[in-house]
């Protein structure tokens, strides 16, 4: 489960960096082709961010269930 959390956090960091890079590119480049690519990159980063957040939510739910089961046993 720790690997899932670590992976999700890494994915969140990567998605954040992608948005930062695309935003910087949009601010600096007037090219419509580049703008299109940057918008696509931001949407991909958004999807990645949402997926990684879902991994964290599921890991939390599993941890809570595990602790609940442990409490019932002990």
Foldseek 3Di string as FASTA:
>chain_A
DVVLLVVLVVLLVVLVVLLVVLVVCVVPDPDPVSVVVSVVSNVVSVVSNVVSVVSVVVVVVVVVVVVVVVVVVD
